[in-house]
């Protein structure tokens, strides 16, 4: 199943997804394709029964679904619904929608920052080819709202052929691994000026 980018607008769904364990489970399903509650529980650091509950909540709001059973079919197997999610503030958003969006965006950012920290912590152990391919950058742009929207759409198009949920290990080149692209397009907010210090503490 392949879907275009879906913009979240249901406050209940956004609040449900903002739970740290659910974000971890959803990310893990994006990596492995399908898994049982027991398998994702270890990654999320929770019990299998708690993982089952979180999976049912994710299913309730359409983020995961049943995957084909394995073996004797005794344990339920789950997979992520193959869609990319986006969150964008709209001028007509009601207060509950704005609050839910803010909550989920902050949860996304915490999860994304933790992913970068894990990558940096283990970066020295990676082969040189992966070190050379890794890119973490910040670029200030000058553009209007229509250009920024178009830029985001163009970036999404560039990423789509490589999305792990859509590209099986068999379809990818030999040696392919799961990588993460973090894209944030937002208006630059000027840093508040704290004012000049009363004395130069940096002077030697």
Protein backbone atom coordinates (compact mmCIF):
# COMPACT_ATOMS: atom_id res chain seq x y z
CA UNK A 1 0.00 0.00 0.00
CA UNK A 2 1.40 3.38 -0.98
CA UNK A 3 -0.10 6.69 0.01
CA UNK A 4 0.83 10.28 -0.60
CA UNK A 5 1.90 12.47 2.29
CA UNK A 6 -0.94 12.81 4.76
CA UNK A 7 -1.26 15.99 6.77
CA UNK A 8 -2.43 15.23 10.28
CA UNK A 9 -5.43 17.20 11.52
CA UNK A 10 -7.22 14.94 14.03
CA UNK A 11 -6.19 16.14 17.52
CA UNK A 12 -6.96 12.76 19.09
CA UNK A 13 -4.75 10.96 16.56
CA UNK A 14 -1.92 13.45 17.05
CA UNK A 15 -2.08 13.17 20.84
CA UNK A 16 -2.08 9.39 20.55
CA UNK A 17 1.00 9.41 18.31
CA UNK A 18 2.91 11.86 20.53
CA UNK A 19 3.57 9.14 23.14
CA UNK A 20 7.33 8.32 23.15
CA UNK A 21 6.80 4.55 23.13
CA UNK A 22 4.41 4.78 20.17
CA UNK A 23 6.86 6.87 18.17
CA UNK A 24 9.57 4.30 18.91
CA UNK A 25 7.31 1.43 17.86
CA UNK A 26 6.25 3.19 14.65
CA UNK A 27 9.88 3.96 13.76
CA UNK A 28 10.91 0.36 14.42
CA UNK A 29 8.16 -0.96 12.16
CA UNK A 30 9.42 1.40 9.49
CA UNK A 31 12.85 -0.23 9.79
CA UNK A 32 11.94 -3.92 10.05
CA UNK A 33 8.72 -3.92 8.03
CA UNK A 34 6.65 -6.02 10.41
CA UNK A 35 6.97 -7.21 14.00
CA UNK A 36 5.09 -8.66 16.95
CA UNK A 37 4.38 -6.85 20.20
CA UNK A 38 7.12 -8.89 21.88
CA UNK A 39 9.67 -7.82 19.27
CA UNK A 40 8.94 -4.09 19.48
CA UNK A 41 8.62 -4.20 23.28
CA UNK A 42 12.36 -4.76 23.74
CA UNK A 43 13.24 -1.79 21.52
CA UNK A 44 10.74 0.48 23.27
CA UNK A 45 11.82 -0.70 26.74
CA UNK A 46 8.31 -1.74 27.75
CA UNK A 47 6.50 -5.00 28.49
CA UNK A 48 4.89 -7.00 25.65
CA UNK A 49 1.45 -6.30 27.12
CA UNK A 50 2.16 -2.55 27.09
CA UNK A 51 3.44 -2.85 23.52
CA UNK A 52 0.21 -4.62 22.52
CA UNK A 53 -1.80 -1.77 24.01
CA UNK A 54 0.24 0.88 22.18
CA UNK A 55 -0.05 -1.05 18.91
CA UNK A 56 -3.83 -1.22 19.27
CA UNK A 57 -3.91 2.53 19.88
CA UNK A 58 -1.78 3.14 16.79
CA UNK A 59 -4.12 0.88 14.82
CA UNK A 60 -7.16 2.74 16.12
CA UNK A 61 -5.93 5.92 14.48
CA UNK A 62 -4.70 4.27 11.29
CA UNK A 63 -0.94 4.32 11.84
CA UNK A 64 -0.45 0.53 11.87
CA UNK A 65 -2.36 -2.49 10.65
CA UNK A 66 -2.24 -6.28 10.78
CA UNK A 67 0.54 -7.87 8.76
CA UNK A 68 0.39 -11.39 7.26
CA UNK A 69 0.67 -13.99 10.04
CA UNK A 70 3.80 -16.07 10.58
CA UNK A 71 4.18 -19.75 11.29
CA UNK A 72 1.23 -21.04 13.30
CA UNK A 73 -0.28 -17.55 13.45
CA UNK A 74 -0.52 -17.54 17.24
CA UNK A 75 1.12 -14.14 17.70
CA UNK A 76 -0.31 -11.07 16.01
CA UNK A 77 2.02 -9.38 13.55
CA UNK A 78 1.86 -5.65 12.86
CA UNK A 79 3.16 -3.35 10.15
CA UNK A 80 3.22 0.39 9.63
CA UNK A 81 0.67 1.78 7.22
CA UNK A 82 2.83 2.99 4.34
CA UNK A 83 2.31 6.73 4.43
CA UNK A 84 4.45 9.73 5.14
CA UNK A 85 3.08 12.11 7.74
CA UNK A 86 3.39 15.86 7.85
CA UNK A 87 2.28 18.47 10.36
CA UNK A 88 1.56 21.99 9.23
CA UNK A 89 -0.13 24.86 11.02
CA UNK A 90 -3.16 26.22 9.20
CA UNK A 91 -4.76 29.63 9.65
CA UNK A 92 -8.15 28.02 10.32
CA UNK A 93 -6.94 25.53 12.95
CA UNK A 94 -9.05 25.39 16.09
CA UNK A 95 -7.26 25.74 19.43
CA UNK A 96 -7.40 21.99 20.22
CA UNK A 97 -5.87 21.22 16.81
CA UNK A 98 -3.10 23.82 17.30
CA UNK A 99 -2.29 22.44 20.74
CA UNK A 100 -2.20 18.85 19.47
CA UNK A 101 0.03 19.83 16.56
CA UNK A 102 2.42 21.62 18.89
CA UNK A 103 2.54 18.59 21.19
CA UNK A 104 3.28 16.20 18.32
CA UNK A 105 5.87 18.47 16.69
CA UNK A 106 7.74 18.71 19.98
CA UNK A 107 7.57 14.92 20.39
CA UNK A 108 8.88 14.46 16.83
CA UNK A 109 11.75 16.85 17.51
CA UNK A 110 12.74 15.12 20.77
CA UNK A 111 12.70 11.75 19.03
CA UNK A 112 14.65 13.11 16.06
CA UNK A 113 17.26 14.75 18.29
CA UNK A 114 17.74 11.50 20.19
CA UNK A 115 18.27 9.69 16.87
CA UNK A 116 21.01 12.16 15.93
CA UNK A 117 22.67 11.79 19.34
CA UNK A 118 22.70 7.99 18.97
CA UNK A 119 24.22 8.29 15.50
CA UNK A 120 26.90 10.69 16.71
CA UNK A 121 27.73 8.47 19.68
CA UNK A 122 28.42 5.52 17.39
CA UNK A 123 29.80 7.44 14.42
CA UNK A 124 33.45 6.64 15.08
CA UNK A 125 32.72 2.93 14.76
CA UNK A 126 31.22 3.25 11.27
CA UNK A 127 33.21 2.54 8.07
CA UNK A 128 34.76 5.53 6.33
CA UNK A 129 32.31 5.31 3.42
CA UNK A 130 29.39 5.90 5.78
CA UNK A 131 31.22 8.66 7.64
CA UNK A 132 31.82 10.43 4.33
CA UNK A 133 28.17 10.02 3.31
CA UNK A 134 26.75 11.42 6.56
CA UNK A 135 25.59 15.03 6.36
CA UNK A 136 24.26 17.25 9.13
CA UNK A 137 23.74 20.82 8.00
CA UNK A 138 21.80 24.01 8.63
CA UNK A 139 21.19 26.49 5.83
CA UNK A 140 19.46 29.85 6.04
CA UNK A 141 17.24 30.45 3.01
CA UNK A 142 15.62 33.54 1.54
CA UNK A 143 12.33 32.66 -0.15
CA UNK A 144 8.62 33.39 -0.09
CA UNK A 145 5.90 31.11 1.28
CA UNK A 146 5.10 29.57 -2.12
CA UNK A 147 8.77 28.80 -2.74
CA UNK A 148 9.17 27.21 0.69
CA UNK A 149 6.13 25.02 0.13
CA UNK A 150 7.41 23.99 -3.29
CA UNK A 151 10.86 23.26 -1.87
CA UNK A 152 9.33 20.92 0.72
CA UNK A 153 7.40 19.09 -1.99
CA UNK A 154 10.55 18.73 -4.10
CA UNK A 155 12.51 17.34 -1.15
CA UNK A 156 9.73 14.80 -0.51
CA UNK A 157 9.89 13.67 -4.14
CA UNK A 158 13.65 13.20 -3.90
CA UNK A 159 13.30 11.06 -0.77
CA UNK A 160 10.41 8.83 -1.91
CA UNK A 161 12.47 6.27 -3.94
CA UNK A 162 14.58 5.55 -0.88
CA UNK A 163 11.89 5.29 1.82
CA UNK A 164 12.60 2.10 3.79
CA UNK A 165 8.94 1.07 4.05
CA UNK A 166 8.62 1.09 0.27
CA UNK A 167 12.05 -0.29 -0.68
CA UNK A 168 12.75 -3.85 0.33
CA UNK A 169 16.30 -5.08 1.05
CA UNK A 170 16.07 -7.06 -2.19
CA UNK A 171 15.36 -3.91 -4.21
CA UNK A 172 18.18 -1.89 -2.65
CA UNK A 173 21.86 -2.17 -3.64
CA UNK A 174 24.08 -4.65 -1.84
CA UNK A 175 25.31 -3.18 1.43
CA UNK A 176 22.33 -0.83 1.80
CA UNK A 177 21.41 0.12 5.36
CA UNK A 178 18.62 2.11 6.96
CA UNK A 179 19.44 5.81 7.19
CA UNK A 180 17.35 8.72 8.41
CA UNK A 181 16.65 12.04 6.70
CA UNK A 182 15.41 14.83 8.95
CA UNK A 183 13.89 17.75 7.08
CA UNK A 184 12.62 20.89 8.82
CA UNK A 185 11.47 23.94 6.90
CA UNK A 186 10.36 26.83 9.11
CA UNK A 187 10.63 30.59 9.42
CA UNK A 188 13.81 31.70 11.13
CA UNK A 189 13.08 33.17 14.57
CA UNK A 190 15.57 35.82 15.62
CA UNK A 191 17.47 34.83 18.76
CA UNK A 192 16.58 37.17 21.65
CA UNK A 193 19.42 39.57 22.40
CA UNK A 194 20.44 39.17 26.06
CA UNK A 195 22.19 42.55 26.07
CA UNK A 196 25.80 43.39 26.68
CA UNK A 197 27.47 41.91 29.76
CA UNK A 198 28.50 44.30 32.50
CA UNK A 199 32.10 43.06 32.28
CA UNK A 200 34.18 40.99 29.91
CA UNK A 201 34.33 37.55 31.53
CA UNK A 202 36.22 36.15 28.53
CA UNK A 203 39.15 38.52 28.95
CA UNK A 204 42.31 36.78 30.11
